[in-house]
C-alpha atoms as a PDB file:
ATOM      1  CA  MET A   1     111.724 108.641 118.110  1.00  0.00           C
ATOM      2  CA  LEU A   2     113.129 105.566 118.462  1.00  0.00           C
ATOM      3  CA  VAL A   3     110.116 104.410 120.028  1.00  0.00           C
ATOM      4  CA  TYR A   4     108.624 105.172 116.880  1.00  0.00           C
ATOM      5  CA  ILE A   5     110.475 104.024 114.584  1.00  0.00           C
ATOM      6  CA  ALA A   6     110.493 100.366 116.346  1.00  0.00           C
ATOM      7  CA  LEU A   7     106.503 100.490 116.342  1.00  0.00           C
ATOM      8  CA  PHE A   8     105.635 101.509 113.117  1.00  0.00           C
ATOM      9  CA  GLY A   9     108.576  99.476 111.867  1.00  0.00           C
ATOM     10  CA  ALA A  10     106.324  96.534 113.293  1.00  0.00           C
ATOM     11  CA  LEU A  11     103.494  97.372 111.717  1.00  0.00           C
ATOM     12  CA  SER A  12     104.629  98.067 108.404  1.00  0.00           C
ATOM     13  CA  ILE A  13     105.744  94.691 108.317  1.00  0.00           C
ATOM     14  CA  VAL A  14     103.065  93.467 109.861  1.00  0.00           C
ATOM     15  CA  LEU A  15     101.197  95.147 107.177  1.00  0.00           C
ATOM     16  CA  THR A  16     103.000  94.045 104.353  1.00  0.00           C
ATOM     17  CA  SER A  17     101.674  91.237 104.746  1.00  0.00           C
ATOM     18  CA  LEU A  18      97.931  91.637 103.726  1.00  0.00           C
ATOM     19  CA  ARG A  19      98.983  92.166  99.838  1.00  0.00           C
ATOM     20  CA  VAL A  20      97.380  91.462  96.332  1.00  0.00           C
ATOM     21  CA  SER A  21      99.810  89.632  93.978  1.00  0.00           C
ATOM     22  CA  PHE A  22     100.629  90.979  90.331  1.00  0.00           C
ATOM     23  CA  PRO A  23     102.670  90.016  87.963  1.00  0.00           C
ATOM     24  CA  LEU A  24     105.003  92.566  88.926  1.00  0.00           C
ATOM     25  CA  GLY A  25     104.771  94.159  92.377  1.00  0.00           C
ATOM     26  CA  ASN A  26     102.987  93.046  95.659  1.00  0.00           C
ATOM     27  CA  PRO A  27     100.610  95.603  96.632  1.00  0.00           C
ATOM     28  CA  ASN A  28     100.277  95.868 100.419  1.00  0.00           C
ATOM     29  CA  LEU A  29      99.244  98.433 102.967  1.00  0.00           C
ATOM     30  CA  GLY A  30     102.903  98.566 104.659  1.00  0.00           C
ATOM     31  CA  SER A  31     103.473 102.251 103.287  1.00  0.00           C
ATOM     32  CA  THR A  32     100.653 103.052 104.931  1.00  0.00           C
ATOM     33  CA  ALA A  33     103.579 103.310 108.359  1.00  0.00           C
ATOM     34  CA  VAL A  34     105.538 105.316 106.726  1.00  0.00           C
ATOM     35  CA  SER A  35     102.838 108.051 105.987  1.00  0.00           C
ATOM     36  CA  VAL A  36     101.736 107.576 109.499  1.00  0.00           C
ATOM     37  CA  VAL A  37     105.051 108.076 111.585  1.00  0.00           C
ATOM     38  CA  ALA A  38     105.894 110.620 108.997  1.00  0.00           C
ATOM     39  CA  VAL A  39     102.905 112.615 110.172  1.00  0.00           C
ATOM     40  CA  ALA A  40     102.959 111.836 113.721  1.00  0.00           C
ATOM     41  CA  SER A  41     107.129 112.503 114.198  1.00  0.00           C
ATOM     42  CA  PRO A  42     110.388 113.844 111.855  1.00  0.00           C
ATOM     43  CA  GLY A  43     111.381 112.494 108.721  1.00  0.00           C
ATOM     44  CA  LEU A  44     114.108 110.824 109.388  1.00  0.00           C
ATOM     45  CA  SER A  45     111.622 108.497 111.676  1.00  0.00           C
ATOM     46  CA  ALA A  46     109.326 107.685 108.756  1.00  0.00           C
ATOM     47  CA  PHE A  47     112.585 107.402 106.200  1.00  0.00           C
ATOM     48  CA  ALA A  48     113.534 104.708 108.299  1.00  0.00           C
ATOM     49  CA  VAL A  49     110.291 102.853 108.716  1.00  0.00           C
ATOM     50  CA  GLY A  50     110.335 102.986 105.207  1.00  0.00           C
ATOM     51  CA  LEU A  51     113.578 100.493 105.489  1.00  0.00           C
ATOM     52  CA  ILE A  52     112.148  98.749 107.880  1.00  0.00           C
ATOM     53  CA  LYS A  53     109.224  97.750 105.539  1.00  0.00           C
ATOM     54  CA  GLY A  54     111.377  96.838 102.306  1.00  0.00           C
ATOM     55  CA  VAL A  55     113.025  94.461 104.566  1.00  0.00           C
ATOM     56  CA  GLY A  56     109.752  93.387 105.940  1.00  0.00           C
ATOM     57  CA  ALA A  57     108.562  92.663 102.676  1.00  0.00           C
ATOM     58  CA  SER A  58     111.366  90.930 101.642  1.00  0.00           C
ATOM     59  CA  LEU A  59     111.204  88.426 104.029  1.00  0.00           C
ATOM     60  CA  TRP A  60     107.300  87.635 103.269  1.00  0.00           C
ATOM     61  CA  THR A  61     107.119  87.997  99.719  1.00  0.00           C
ATOM     62  CA  GLY A  62     111.103  86.730  98.714  1.00  0.00           C
ATOM     63  CA  GLN A  63     111.431  89.230  96.296  1.00  0.00           C
ATOM     64  CA  ALA A  64     114.016  91.540  97.695  1.00  0.00           C
ATOM     65  CA  ILE A  65     115.407  92.830  94.519  1.00  0.00           C
ATOM     66  CA  ILE A  66     111.189  95.049  94.340  1.00  0.00           C
ATOM     67  CA  GLU A  67     110.916  94.815  97.908  1.00  0.00           C
ATOM     68  CA  ILE A  68     114.323  96.457  99.129  1.00  0.00           C
ATOM     69  CA  PRO A  69     114.392  99.558  96.788  1.00  0.00           C
ATOM     70  CA  ALA A  70     110.220  99.579  97.409  1.00  0.00           C
ATOM     71  CA  GLY A  71     111.133 100.429 101.036  1.00  0.00           C
ATOM     72  CA  ILE A  72     113.956 102.619  99.767  1.00  0.00           C
ATOM     73  CA  GLY A  73     111.634 104.856  97.796  1.00  0.00           C
ATOM     74  CA  ASP A  74     108.589 104.589 100.826  1.00  0.00           C
ATOM     75  CA  GLY A  75     111.455 106.022 102.850  1.00  0.00           C
ATOM     76  CA  MET A  76     111.838 109.133 100.330  1.00  0.00           C
ATOM     77  CA  MET A  77     107.876 109.607  99.996  1.00  0.00           C
ATOM     78  CA  GLY A  78     107.993 109.754 104.182  1.00  0.00           C
ATOM     79  CA  LEU A  79     110.668 112.409 103.970  1.00  0.00           C
ATOM     80  CA  LEU A  80     107.879 113.985 101.682  1.00  0.00           C
ATOM     81  CA  THR A  81     105.358 113.276 103.392  1.00  0.00           C
ATOM     82  CA  SER A  82     106.445 114.997 106.912  1.00  0.00           C
ATOM     83  CA  TRP A  83     108.272 118.178 104.811  1.00  0.00           C
ATOM     84  CA  LEU A  84     104.663 118.450 103.760  1.00  0.00           C
ATOM     85  CA  SER A  85     102.668 117.406 107.005  1.00  0.00           C
ATOM     86  CA  ARG A  86     104.891 120.215 108.913  1.00  0.00           C
ATOM     87  CA  ARG A  87     104.012 123.069 106.840  1.00  0.00           C
ATOM     88  CA  LYS A  88     100.678 122.195 105.111  1.00  0.00           C
ATOM     89  CA  ASN A  89      97.968 119.882 106.155  1.00  0.00           C
ATOM     90  CA  PRO A  90      98.584 116.698 107.414  1.00  0.00           C
ATOM     91  CA  ALA A  91      95.655 115.381 104.791  1.00  0.00           C
ATOM     92  CA  ILE A  92      97.171 116.948 102.319  1.00  0.00           C
ATOM     93  CA  ALA A  93     100.761 115.707 103.022  1.00  0.00           C
ATOM     94  CA  VAL A  94      99.717 112.100 102.947  1.00  0.00           C
ATOM     95  CA  VAL A  95      97.857 112.119 100.019  1.00  0.00           C
ATOM     96  CA  VAL A  96     100.687 114.231  98.040  1.00  0.00           C
ATOM     97  CA  GLY A  97     102.840 112.107  99.494  1.00  0.00           C
ATOM     98  CA  GLN A  98     101.459 108.504  98.366  1.00  0.00           C
ATOM     99  CA  LEU A  99     101.327 109.776  94.769  1.00  0.00           C
ATOM    100  CA  SER A 100     105.365 110.447  95.135  1.00  0.00           C
ATOM    101  CA  ARG A 101     104.972 106.510  95.080  1.00  0.00           C
ATOM    102  CA  TYR A 102     104.754 106.935  91.504  1.00  0.00           C
ATOM    103  CA  VAL A 103     108.170 108.532  91.177  1.00  0.00           C
ATOM    104  CA  PHE A 104     109.679 107.550  94.726  1.00  0.00           C
ATOM    105  CA  THR A 105     108.947 103.542  94.888  1.00  0.00           C
ATOM    106  CA  SER A 106     108.076 103.039  90.903  1.00  0.00           C
ATOM    107  CA  GLY A 107     111.052 104.631  90.301  1.00  0.00           C
ATOM    108  CA  MET A 108     113.632 103.065  92.612  1.00  0.00           C
ATOM    109  CA  ILE A 109     111.956  99.370  91.342  1.00  0.00           C
ATOM    110  CA  SER A 110     112.409 100.235  88.226  1.00  0.00           C
ATOM    111  CA  LEU A 111     115.742 101.121  88.710  1.00  0.00           C
ATOM    112  CA  SER A 112     116.022  97.660  90.877  1.00  0.00           C
ATOM    113  CA  LEU A 113     115.045  95.688  87.912  1.00  0.00           C
ATOM    114  CA  SER A 114     116.401  97.416  84.631  1.00  0.00           C
ATOM    115  CA  ILE A 115     120.231  96.827  86.884  1.00  0.00           C
ATOM    116  CA  PHE A 116     119.503  93.170  87.865  1.00  0.00           C
ATOM    117  CA  GLN A 117     116.880  91.999  85.559  1.00  0.00           C
ATOM    118  CA  SER A 118     118.041  93.951  82.339  1.00  0.00           C
ATOM    119  CA  ASN A 119     116.693  90.518  80.548  1.00  0.00           C
ATOM    120  CA  LEU A 120     113.028  90.302  81.324  1.00  0.00           C
ATOM    121  CA  TYR A 121     112.985  94.512  81.604  1.00  0.00           C
ATOM    122  CA  PRO A 122     115.728  96.310  79.116  1.00  0.00           C
ATOM    123  CA  SER A 123     115.140  99.569  79.970  1.00  0.00           C
ATOM    124  CA  PHE A 124     114.217 101.987  82.973  1.00  0.00           C
ATOM    125  CA  ILE A 125     110.909 103.046  81.447  1.00  0.00           C
ATOM    126  CA  ALA A 126     109.551  99.429  80.526  1.00  0.00           C
ATOM    127  CA  ALA A 127     110.026  98.500  83.942  1.00  0.00           C
ATOM    128  CA  TRP A 128     108.546 101.764  85.102  1.00  0.00           C
ATOM    129  CA  HIS A 129     105.644 100.809  83.235  1.00  0.00           C
ATOM    130  CA  ALA A 130     105.067  97.251  83.546  1.00  0.00           C
ATOM    131  CA  MET A 131     104.603  98.494  87.771  1.00  0.00           C
ATOM    132  CA  ILE A 132     101.916 100.756  86.746  1.00  0.00           C
ATOM    133  CA  PRO A 133      99.234  98.547  88.019  1.00  0.00           C
ATOM    134  CA  ALA A 134     100.272  97.384  90.947  1.00  0.00           C
ATOM    135  CA  ILE A 135     102.104 100.135  92.685  1.00  0.00           C
ATOM    136  CA  THR A 136      98.108 102.581  91.336  1.00  0.00           C
ATOM    137  CA  LEU A 137      96.397  99.765  93.481  1.00  0.00           C
ATOM    138  CA  SER A 138      99.123  99.891  96.712  1.00  0.00           C
ATOM    139  CA  ILE A 139      99.015 103.991  96.025  1.00  0.00           C
ATOM    140  CA  VAL A 140      95.229 103.785  96.565  1.00  0.00           C
ATOM    141  CA  GLY A 141      94.392 101.432  99.038  1.00  0.00           C
ATOM    142  CA  ASN A 142      97.515 103.272 101.364  1.00  0.00           C
ATOM    143  CA  ALA A 143      96.367 106.639 100.955  1.00  0.00           C
ATOM    144  CA  LEU A 144      92.677 105.733 101.589  1.00  0.00           C
ATOM    145  CA  ILE A 145      93.690 104.009 104.983  1.00  0.00           C
ATOM    146  CA  SER A 146      96.637 106.776 106.038  1.00  0.00           C
ATOM    147  CA  LEU A 147      93.902 109.295 105.164  1.00  0.00           C
ATOM    148  CA  TYR A 148      91.752 107.741 107.627  1.00  0.00           C
ATOM    149  CA  LEU A 149      93.783 107.047 110.150  1.00  0.00           C
ATOM    150  CA  VAL A 150      95.579 110.540 110.049  1.00  0.00           C
ATOM    151  CA  GLN A 151      92.153 112.455 110.149  1.00  0.00           C
ATOM    152  CA  ASN A 152      91.343 110.640 112.812  1.00  0.00           C
ATOM    153  CA  LEU A 153      94.717 110.477 115.418  1.00  0.00           C
ATOM    154  CA  HIS A 154      95.232 114.482 114.602  1.00  0.00           C
ATOM    155  CA  LEU A 155      94.644 114.860 118.270  1.00  0.00           C
ATOM    156  CA  PHE A 156      97.192 112.351 118.693  1.00  0.00           C
ATOM    157  CA  THR A 157      99.909 113.337 116.459  1.00  0.00           C
ATOM    158  CA  ARG A 158      99.630 117.316 117.086  1.00  0.00           C
ATOM    159  CA  SER A 159     100.732 115.936 120.854  1.00  0.00           C
ATOM    160  CA  ILE A 160     103.445 114.471 119.276  1.00  0.00           C
ATOM    161  CA  GLN A 161     104.371 116.668 117.031  1.00  0.00           C
ATOM    162  CA  GLU A 162     104.782 119.648 119.349  1.00  0.00           C
ATOM    163  CA  ARG A 163     107.525 117.176 121.580  1.00  0.00           C
ATOM    164  CA  PHE A 164     110.132 117.375 118.604  1.00  0.00           C
END
């Protein structure tokens, strides 16, 4: 399990460098690694990769106030994706998991911004509303790539799941 955390954690850091700059947030492909590891291994691995992704994105962007909470939210998305992938089709789990980022990732970022930058975002709703374009682009990109990877690596992920 530690090997998967290290491998996918490193991958998530590299994928955060592929981003698009928005006024609030930098949509990147870092949560693709979280989704894939969520299907391939236990949920705690996905949560750890989400945290690693948050730290890595903070290093790339210099926006720890946004990226650390995003990593925590992505970790929570990974837990949900992992749980769903064991009960439903992994492809459905990836899509639902990525959509849950509207709640988990956006929620954590909005909470952070409304606390630490209350002069710019006086409320949780104001911060959440401001990031809708960035999170939507991130969800679409990560969902499509994650779905493709999960669909094409299904034999690999099934053999890993049987080990845990």
